[in-house]
Protein backbone atom coordinates (compact mmCIF):
# COMPACT_ATOMS: atom_id res chain seq x y z
CA MET A 1 118.62 147.40 147.84
CA ILE A 2 118.87 149.18 151.19
CA LYS A 3 118.41 145.89 153.04
CA LEU A 4 121.24 144.32 151.04
CA THR A 5 123.52 147.27 151.79
CA ILE A 6 122.81 146.99 155.51
CA ILE A 7 123.46 143.24 155.46
CA LEU A 8 126.76 143.73 153.60
CA LEU A 9 127.88 146.44 156.02
CA PHE A 10 127.02 144.17 158.94
CA ILE A 11 129.01 141.27 157.46
CA LEU A 12 131.98 143.51 156.72
CA ALA A 13 131.91 144.98 160.25
CA LEU A 14 132.18 141.55 161.92
CA PRO A 15 136.02 141.42 161.78
CA VAL A 16 136.12 144.44 164.10
CA LYS A 17 134.91 142.09 166.83
CA ALA A 18 138.10 140.05 166.36
CA ALA A 19 140.12 142.76 168.16
CA GLU A 20 139.98 140.72 171.37
CA THR A 21 143.17 138.80 170.60
CA CYS A 22 145.26 141.11 172.78
CA SER A 23 143.14 140.40 175.84
CA ARG A 24 144.14 136.77 176.49
CA ILE A 25 146.22 136.41 179.61
CA ALA A 26 148.14 133.50 181.15
CA THR A 27 149.38 133.39 184.73
CA ILE A 28 152.96 132.25 185.29
CA ASN A 29 154.55 132.51 188.76
CA TYR A 30 151.65 134.72 189.90
CA GLN A 31 152.40 137.17 187.09
CA GLU A 32 150.10 137.89 184.19
CA VAL A 33 151.59 137.40 180.73
CA LEU A 34 149.92 138.39 177.45
CA VAL A 35 149.38 135.28 175.36
CA ASP A 36 148.95 137.15 172.09
CA VAL A 37 151.60 139.83 171.78
CA SER A 38 150.20 140.80 168.36
CA SER A 39 147.29 139.70 166.24
CA ASN A 40 149.72 138.42 163.59
CA ASN A 41 151.57 135.99 165.85
CA ARG A 42 149.09 134.58 168.30
CA GLY A 43 150.52 132.65 171.25
CA GLU A 44 153.93 134.31 170.90
CA GLY A 45 153.81 135.59 174.48
CA LEU A 46 154.23 132.01 175.73
CA ARG A 47 157.08 131.08 173.39
CA TYR A 48 159.80 131.86 175.97
CA TYR A 49 158.40 129.16 178.25
CA LEU A 50 157.06 126.68 175.69
CA GLU A 51 160.29 126.42 173.70
CA ARG A 52 161.91 124.69 176.69
CA ASP A 53 159.88 121.59 175.85
CA PRO A 54 160.22 120.23 172.29
CA VAL A 55 156.65 118.84 172.14
CA SER A 56 155.17 122.12 173.37
CA LYS A 57 157.27 124.12 170.94
CA GLN A 58 156.18 121.93 168.03
CA LEU A 59 152.50 122.33 168.99
CA LEU A 60 152.93 126.12 169.33
CA ASP A 61 154.57 126.30 165.90
CA GLU A 62 151.71 124.27 164.40
CA TYR A 63 149.18 126.53 166.15
CA GLN A 64 150.80 129.64 164.71
CA GLU A 65 151.09 128.11 161.25
CA ASN A 66 147.39 127.22 161.23
CA ASN A 67 146.44 130.78 162.24
CA ARG A 68 148.05 132.30 159.15
CA PRO A 69 145.68 133.37 156.37
CA THR A 70 145.46 130.93 153.48
CA TRP A 71 145.23 131.60 149.76
CA LYS A 72 141.95 129.65 149.65
CA SER A 73 140.12 132.05 151.96
CA ALA A 74 141.63 135.04 150.16
CA ALA A 75 140.54 133.61 146.80
CA LEU A 76 136.98 132.97 148.01
CA SER A 77 136.68 136.48 149.43
CA THR A 78 138.13 138.06 146.30
CA LEU A 79 135.80 136.06 144.06
CA GLY A 80 132.83 137.06 146.23
CA THR A 81 133.81 140.73 146.09
CA GLY A 82 134.23 140.50 142.32
CA MET A 83 130.79 138.93 141.97
CA ILE A 84 129.20 141.69 144.06
CA LEU A 85 130.93 144.42 142.05
CA GLY A 86 129.92 142.68 138.81
CA GLY A 87 126.34 142.52 140.05
CA PHE A 88 126.30 146.24 140.81
CA LEU A 89 127.67 147.07 137.35
CA ARG A 90 125.22 144.82 135.51
CA SER A 91 121.67 145.84 134.66
CA ASN A 92 118.68 143.49 134.39
CA GLU A 93 116.73 145.46 131.81
CA GLY A 94 115.03 143.18 129.28
CA ARG A 95 116.71 140.03 130.55
CA GLU A 96 115.29 136.96 132.16
CA GLU A 97 116.59 135.64 135.47
CA THR A 98 119.80 133.68 134.79
CA ILE A 99 122.86 132.69 136.78
CA THR A 100 124.65 135.86 135.62
CA SER A 101 121.78 138.17 136.49
CA ARG A 102 122.34 141.08 138.83
CA ASN A 103 120.66 139.59 141.91
CA SER A 104 122.33 136.21 141.46
CA LEU A 105 125.75 137.81 141.32
CA ILE A 106 125.17 140.02 144.34
CA PHE A 107 123.68 137.34 146.57
CA GLY A 108 126.13 134.70 145.37
CA GLY A 109 129.06 137.00 146.12
CA ALA A 110 127.71 137.83 149.56
CA ALA A 111 127.24 134.12 150.24
CA LEU A 112 130.84 133.37 149.17
CA ILE A 113 132.20 136.07 151.48
CA ALA A 114 130.06 134.82 154.36
CA VAL A 115 131.14 131.19 153.80
CA SER A 116 134.80 132.21 153.62
CA TYR A 117 134.49 134.15 156.86
CA LEU A 118 132.71 131.31 158.66
CA ILE A 119 135.26 128.74 157.50
CA SER A 120 138.20 130.84 158.68
CA LYS A 121 136.57 131.57 162.05
CA THR A 122 135.72 127.87 162.54
CA ASN A 123 139.29 126.84 161.74
CA GLN A 124 140.63 129.49 164.10
CA TYR A 125 138.30 128.35 166.89
CA ASN A 126 139.22 124.67 166.42
CA ASN A 127 142.92 125.56 166.30
CA GLU A 128 142.81 126.85 169.89
CA TYR A 129 143.01 123.22 170.97
CA LEU A 130 146.65 123.14 169.85
CA LEU A 131 147.59 126.03 172.15
CA THR A 132 145.82 124.40 175.08
CA LYS A 133 147.53 121.08 174.32
CA SER A 134 150.90 122.83 174.06
CA VAL A 135 150.46 124.36 177.53
CA GLU A 136 149.32 121.00 178.96
CA GLU A 137 152.39 119.26 177.55
CA TYR A 138 154.64 121.96 179.01
CA ASN A 139 152.96 121.72 182.42
CA LYS A 140 153.48 117.93 182.52
CA ARG A 141 157.27 118.19 182.46
CA ASN A 142 158.27 121.74 183.40
CA THR A 143 157.95 124.49 185.97
CA PRO A 144 156.76 127.19 186.45
CA ARG A 145 153.26 126.09 185.52
CA ILE A 146 151.25 128.08 182.99
CA TYR A 147 147.59 128.77 183.72
CA LEU A 148 145.53 130.06 180.81
CA SER A 149 142.76 132.55 181.55
CA PRO A 150 139.19 131.22 181.83
CA THR A 151 138.06 133.14 178.75
CA ASP A 152 139.94 130.83 176.37
CA ALA A 153 137.86 128.85 173.90
CA GLN A 154 137.56 125.43 175.56
CA GLY A 155 134.37 124.30 173.86
CA GLY A 156 131.75 125.42 176.32
CA PHE A 157 130.19 128.42 177.98
CA GLY A 158 131.90 130.53 180.56
CA ILE A 159 132.07 133.96 182.06
CA GLY A 160 135.26 135.91 182.22
CA VAL A 161 136.46 139.45 182.54
CA GLY A 162 138.99 140.68 180.03
CA GLN A 163 140.68 143.88 178.98
CA GLU A 164 140.99 145.09 175.40
CA PHE A 165 143.40 147.61 174.02
């Protein structure tokens, strides 16, 4: 039971690591601009420049739309939490191991929460392509050029220095 509690606390503490959204920086005219003004509207710091180009603006809007939470991930997480709570309230005395047994509910709920978290993080990671594409489209036809920081998710390994607040 203690191991399960530690695992659940570890899984629930993972979103704290997502506080790095405010640290992304783009360079425009030798000035640093925050890409993510808030964690709710990622990429909004570049809107002033990207809305000059209709293709870039459309890609930025699609990027921001895809970053919004969906009802599917909320439903999976809620169902997982309900299963865990149901597992804690249920006792296994005198019962055989079934799909509604205590351990099945707890581990199934934890698995649903973990799957929901992994799906949302994967979608968010893959969505970064749209922001990069938006900046590339802007840079093809407009000045000043926008240079994204090297710590952006480009599908590889890299080293960068960032600042969090």
